[in-house]
Amino acid sequence: MRSEANNWLEYYSVTMLSHKQIFKLILKTLADIIRLILKTSADIIRLILKILASIIELVLRTLADIIRLVLKTLADIIRLILKSLAVK
């Protein structure tokens, strides 16, 4: 009976050790998965921000070109008005 108890205790301690190892392995794997997801998310967010920055830069350059064209046209109109007034 005592030998049976020792065998059971030995089996239980070996089983618990392997359960602990399995649990540690599961936790490590979960940590690796979470780390990979966070890294991938950060890369995706960084890429989205770069795309948005490029779009904003393009929009601002286009607006600057439009404003420049409008101001040049207004200057030309004012110049023509002044020339026509000077001729009279």
N, C-alpha and C. Protein backbone atom coordinates (compact mmCIF):
# COMPACT_ATOMS: atom_id res chain seq x y z
N MET A 1 0.82 -1.18 0.00
CA MET A 1 0.00 0.00 0.00
C MET A 1 0.88 1.26 0.00
N ARG A 2 1.93 1.19 0.81
CA ARG A 2 2.81 2.34 0.88
C ARG A 2 3.51 2.55 -0.47
N SER A 3 3.93 1.49 -1.09
CA SER A 3 4.58 1.55 -2.39
C SER A 3 3.60 2.11 -3.43
N GLU A 4 2.34 1.72 -3.30
CA GLU A 4 1.30 2.24 -4.20
C GLU A 4 1.15 3.75 -4.02
N ALA A 5 1.18 4.21 -2.79
CA ALA A 5 1.06 5.64 -2.50
C ALA A 5 2.27 6.39 -3.05
N ASN A 6 3.45 5.81 -2.90
CA ASN A 6 4.66 6.44 -3.44
C ASN A 6 4.60 6.52 -4.97
N ASN A 7 4.13 5.44 -5.59
CA ASN A 7 3.99 5.45 -7.05
C ASN A 7 3.00 6.53 -7.49
N TRP A 8 1.90 6.62 -6.75
CA TRP A 8 0.89 7.62 -7.10
C TRP A 8 1.46 9.03 -6.91
N LEU A 9 2.19 9.23 -5.81
CA LEU A 9 2.79 10.54 -5.54
C LEU A 9 3.83 10.89 -6.62
N GLU A 10 4.63 9.92 -7.00
CA GLU A 10 5.63 10.15 -8.05
C GLU A 10 4.93 10.48 -9.38
N TYR A 11 3.90 9.71 -9.72
CA TYR A 11 3.16 9.97 -10.96
C TYR A 11 2.54 11.36 -10.91
N TYR A 12 1.96 11.70 -9.78
CA TYR A 12 1.29 13.00 -9.64
C TYR A 12 2.29 14.15 -9.79
N SER A 13 3.47 14.03 -9.17
CA SER A 13 4.46 15.11 -9.26
C SER A 13 5.00 15.24 -10.68
N VAL A 14 5.22 14.13 -11.37
CA VAL A 14 5.68 14.18 -12.76
C VAL A 14 4.59 14.78 -13.65
N THR A 15 3.34 14.37 -13.40
CA THR A 15 2.23 14.89 -14.19
C THR A 15 2.06 16.38 -13.95
N MET A 16 2.18 16.81 -12.71
CA MET A 16 2.04 18.23 -12.40
C MET A 16 3.17 19.03 -13.04
N LEU A 17 4.36 18.46 -13.04
CA LEU A 17 5.48 19.14 -13.66
C LEU A 17 5.21 19.35 -15.15
N SER A 18 4.74 18.31 -15.80
CA SER A 18 4.47 18.44 -17.22
C SER A 18 3.30 19.39 -17.45
N HIS A 19 2.32 19.40 -16.56
CA HIS A 19 1.21 20.35 -16.67
C HIS A 19 1.72 21.77 -16.52
N LYS A 20 2.65 21.97 -15.58
CA LYS A 20 3.23 23.31 -15.40
C LYS A 20 3.99 23.72 -16.66
N GLN A 21 4.75 22.78 -17.21
CA GLN A 21 5.49 23.09 -18.43
C GLN A 21 4.55 23.41 -19.58
N ILE A 22 3.48 22.63 -19.69
CA ILE A 22 2.49 22.89 -20.74
C ILE A 22 1.86 24.26 -20.53
N PHE A 23 1.52 24.58 -19.29
CA PHE A 23 0.91 25.87 -18.98
C PHE A 23 1.87 27.01 -19.33
N LYS A 24 3.15 26.86 -18.96
CA LYS A 24 4.15 27.88 -19.29
C LYS A 24 4.28 28.03 -20.81
N LEU A 25 4.28 26.91 -21.51
CA LEU A 25 4.39 26.94 -22.96
C LEU A 25 3.18 27.65 -23.58
N ILE A 26 1.99 27.36 -23.05
CA ILE A 26 0.77 28.02 -23.54
C ILE A 26 0.85 29.52 -23.29
N LEU A 27 1.28 29.91 -22.08
CA LEU A 27 1.40 31.34 -21.77
C LEU A 27 2.43 32.02 -22.66
N LYS A 28 3.56 31.35 -22.88
CA LYS A 28 4.60 31.92 -23.75
C LYS A 28 4.07 32.06 -25.17
N THR A 29 3.36 31.05 -25.65
CA THR A 29 2.79 31.12 -26.99
C THR A 29 1.78 32.24 -27.11
N LEU A 30 0.92 32.39 -26.10
CA LEU A 30 -0.05 33.48 -26.10
C LEU A 30 0.65 34.84 -26.10
N ALA A 31 1.70 34.95 -25.30
CA ALA A 31 2.47 36.20 -25.26
C ALA A 31 3.08 36.50 -26.62
N ASP A 32 3.62 35.47 -27.28
CA ASP A 32 4.20 35.65 -28.62
C ASP A 32 3.13 36.08 -29.62
N ILE A 33 1.95 35.46 -29.54
CA ILE A 33 0.86 35.82 -30.46
C ILE A 33 0.43 37.26 -30.23
N ILE A 34 0.26 37.64 -28.96
CA ILE A 34 -0.15 39.02 -28.64
C ILE A 34 0.91 40.01 -29.11
N ARG A 35 2.18 39.68 -28.89
CA ARG A 35 3.28 40.55 -29.33
C ARG A 35 3.25 40.72 -30.85
N LEU A 36 3.02 39.61 -31.57
CA LEU A 36 2.96 39.66 -33.03
C LEU A 36 1.77 40.49 -33.50
N ILE A 37 0.62 40.32 -32.85
CA ILE A 37 -0.57 41.10 -33.21
C ILE A 37 -0.32 42.58 -32.98
N LEU A 38 0.28 42.93 -31.84
CA LEU A 38 0.55 44.33 -31.55
C LEU A 38 1.55 44.93 -32.53
N LYS A 39 2.59 44.15 -32.87
CA LYS A 39 3.58 44.64 -33.83
C LYS A 39 2.93 44.83 -35.19
N THR A 40 2.12 43.86 -35.60
CA THR A 40 1.43 43.97 -36.89
C THR A 40 0.47 45.15 -36.89
N SER A 41 -0.25 45.33 -35.78
CA SER A 41 -1.17 46.46 -35.67
C SER A 41 -0.41 47.78 -35.76
N ALA A 42 0.72 47.85 -35.09
CA ALA A 42 1.53 49.08 -35.14
C ALA A 42 2.01 49.35 -36.56
N ASP A 43 2.44 48.28 -37.26
CA ASP A 43 2.88 48.45 -38.65
C ASP A 43 1.74 48.92 -39.54
N ILE A 44 0.55 48.35 -39.34
CA ILE A 44 -0.61 48.74 -40.13
C ILE A 44 -0.98 50.19 -39.85
N ILE A 45 -0.99 50.57 -38.57
CA ILE A 45 -1.32 51.95 -38.20
C ILE A 45 -0.29 52.91 -38.79
N ARG A 46 0.99 52.54 -38.72
CA ARG A 46 2.05 53.38 -39.28
C ARG A 46 1.84 53.57 -40.78
N LEU A 47 1.48 52.48 -41.48
CA LEU A 47 1.24 52.55 -42.92
C LEU A 47 0.04 53.43 -43.23
N ILE A 48 -1.04 53.28 -42.46
CA ILE A 48 -2.23 54.11 -42.66
C ILE A 48 -1.90 55.58 -42.44
N LEU A 49 -1.12 55.87 -41.40
CA LEU A 49 -0.74 57.27 -41.13
C LEU A 49 0.11 57.85 -42.25
N LYS A 50 1.02 57.03 -42.81
CA LYS A 50 1.83 57.51 -43.93
C LYS A 50 0.95 57.82 -45.14
N ILE A 51 -0.02 56.95 -45.41
CA ILE A 51 -0.93 57.17 -46.53
C ILE A 51 -1.75 58.44 -46.30
N LEU A 52 -2.27 58.61 -45.09
CA LEU A 52 -3.04 59.82 -44.77
C LEU A 52 -2.18 61.07 -44.91
N ALA A 53 -0.94 61.00 -44.45
CA ALA A 53 -0.04 62.16 -44.57
C ALA A 53 0.19 62.50 -46.04
N SER A 54 0.35 61.49 -46.87
CA SER A 54 0.55 61.73 -48.31
C SER A 54 -0.69 62.37 -48.93
N ILE A 55 -1.87 61.87 -48.55
CA ILE A 55 -3.12 62.44 -49.07
C ILE A 55 -3.27 63.88 -48.63
N ILE A 56 -3.01 64.16 -47.35
CA ILE A 56 -3.13 65.53 -46.83
C ILE A 56 -2.14 66.45 -47.54
N GLU A 57 -0.91 65.97 -47.74
CA GLU A 57 0.09 66.78 -48.44
C GLU A 57 -0.37 67.09 -49.86
N LEU A 58 -0.92 66.09 -50.54
CA LEU A 58 -1.41 66.30 -51.91
C LEU A 58 -2.55 67.30 -51.95
N VAL A 59 -3.48 67.18 -51.00
CA VAL A 59 -4.62 68.11 -50.93
C VAL A 59 -4.12 69.53 -50.67
N LEU A 60 -3.19 69.68 -49.73
CA LEU A 60 -2.67 71.02 -49.41
C LEU A 60 -1.92 71.63 -50.59
N ARG A 61 -1.14 70.82 -51.30
CA ARG A 61 -0.43 71.34 -52.48
C ARG A 61 -1.43 71.77 -53.55
N THR A 62 -2.47 70.97 -53.73
CA THR A 62 -3.50 71.32 -54.73
C THR A 62 -4.20 72.61 -54.34
N LEU A 63 -4.55 72.74 -53.06
CA LEU A 63 -5.18 73.98 -52.59
C LEU A 63 -4.25 75.17 -52.79
N ALA A 64 -2.99 75.00 -52.51
CA ALA A 64 -2.02 76.08 -52.71
C ALA A 64 -1.95 76.47 -54.18
N ASP A 65 -1.96 75.47 -55.07
CA ASP A 65 -1.94 75.77 -56.50
C ASP A 65 -3.21 76.51 -56.93
N ILE A 66 -4.36 76.08 -56.41
CA ILE A 66 -5.63 76.74 -56.74
C ILE A 66 -5.63 78.18 -56.24
N ILE A 67 -5.19 78.38 -55.00
CA ILE A 67 -5.14 79.74 -54.44
C ILE A 67 -4.18 80.62 -55.24
N ARG A 68 -3.02 80.06 -55.60
CA ARG A 68 -2.05 80.80 -56.41
C ARG A 68 -2.67 81.20 -57.75
N LEU A 69 -3.38 80.28 -58.39
CA LEU A 69 -4.02 80.56 -59.67
C LEU A 69 -5.11 81.62 -59.55
N VAL A 70 -5.91 81.53 -58.48
CA VAL A 70 -6.97 82.53 -58.25
C VAL A 70 -6.36 83.90 -58.03
N LEU A 71 -5.32 83.98 -57.21
CA LEU A 71 -4.67 85.27 -56.95
C LEU A 71 -4.04 85.85 -58.21
N LYS A 72 -3.43 84.98 -59.02
CA LYS A 72 -2.83 85.46 -60.28
C LYS A 72 -3.93 85.99 -61.20
N THR A 73 -5.04 85.28 -61.26
CA THR A 73 -6.16 85.73 -62.11
C THR A 73 -6.71 87.06 -61.61
N LEU A 74 -6.88 87.19 -60.29
CA LEU A 74 -7.34 88.47 -59.73
C LEU A 74 -6.36 89.60 -60.04
N ALA A 75 -5.08 89.32 -59.93
CA ALA A 75 -4.06 90.33 -60.24
C ALA A 75 -4.16 90.74 -61.70
N ASP A 76 -4.36 89.76 -62.59
CA ASP A 76 -4.51 90.07 -64.02
C ASP A 76 -5.76 90.92 -64.27
N ILE A 77 -6.86 90.59 -63.61
CA ILE A 77 -8.11 91.35 -63.77
C ILE A 77 -7.91 92.78 -63.28
N ILE A 78 -7.30 92.94 -62.11
CA ILE A 78 -7.05 94.28 -61.55
C ILE A 78 -6.13 95.06 -62.48
N ARG A 79 -5.10 94.41 -63.01
CA ARG A 79 -4.17 95.06 -63.94
C ARG A 79 -4.92 95.55 -65.19
N LEU A 80 -5.81 94.70 -65.73
CA LEU A 80 -6.59 95.09 -66.91
C LEU A 80 -7.52 96.27 -66.61
N ILE A 81 -8.15 96.23 -65.43
CA ILE A 81 -9.05 97.34 -65.03
C ILE A 81 -8.25 98.63 -64.91
N LEU A 82 -7.09 98.57 -64.28
CA LEU A 82 -6.26 99.77 -64.12
C LEU A 82 -5.78 100.29 -65.48
N LYS A 83 -5.42 99.40 -66.39
CA LYS A 83 -4.98 99.83 -67.73
C LYS A 83 -6.13 100.51 -68.47
N SER A 84 -7.34 99.92 -68.34
CA SER A 84 -8.48 100.51 -69.05
C SER A 84 -8.84 101.87 -68.46
N LEU A 85 -8.66 102.04 -67.15
CA LEU A 85 -8.93 103.34 -66.52
C LEU A 85 -7.87 104.36 -66.92
N ALA A 86 -6.65 103.92 -67.08
CA ALA A 86 -5.56 104.82 -67.43
C ALA A 86 -5.69 105.30 -68.87
N VAL A 87 -6.24 104.47 -69.72
CA VAL A 87 -6.39 104.83 -71.13
C VAL A 87 -7.44 105.92 -71.29
N LYS A 88 -8.48 105.89 -70.50
CA LYS A 88 -9.57 106.87 -70.62
C LYS A 88 -9.11 108.17 -70.14
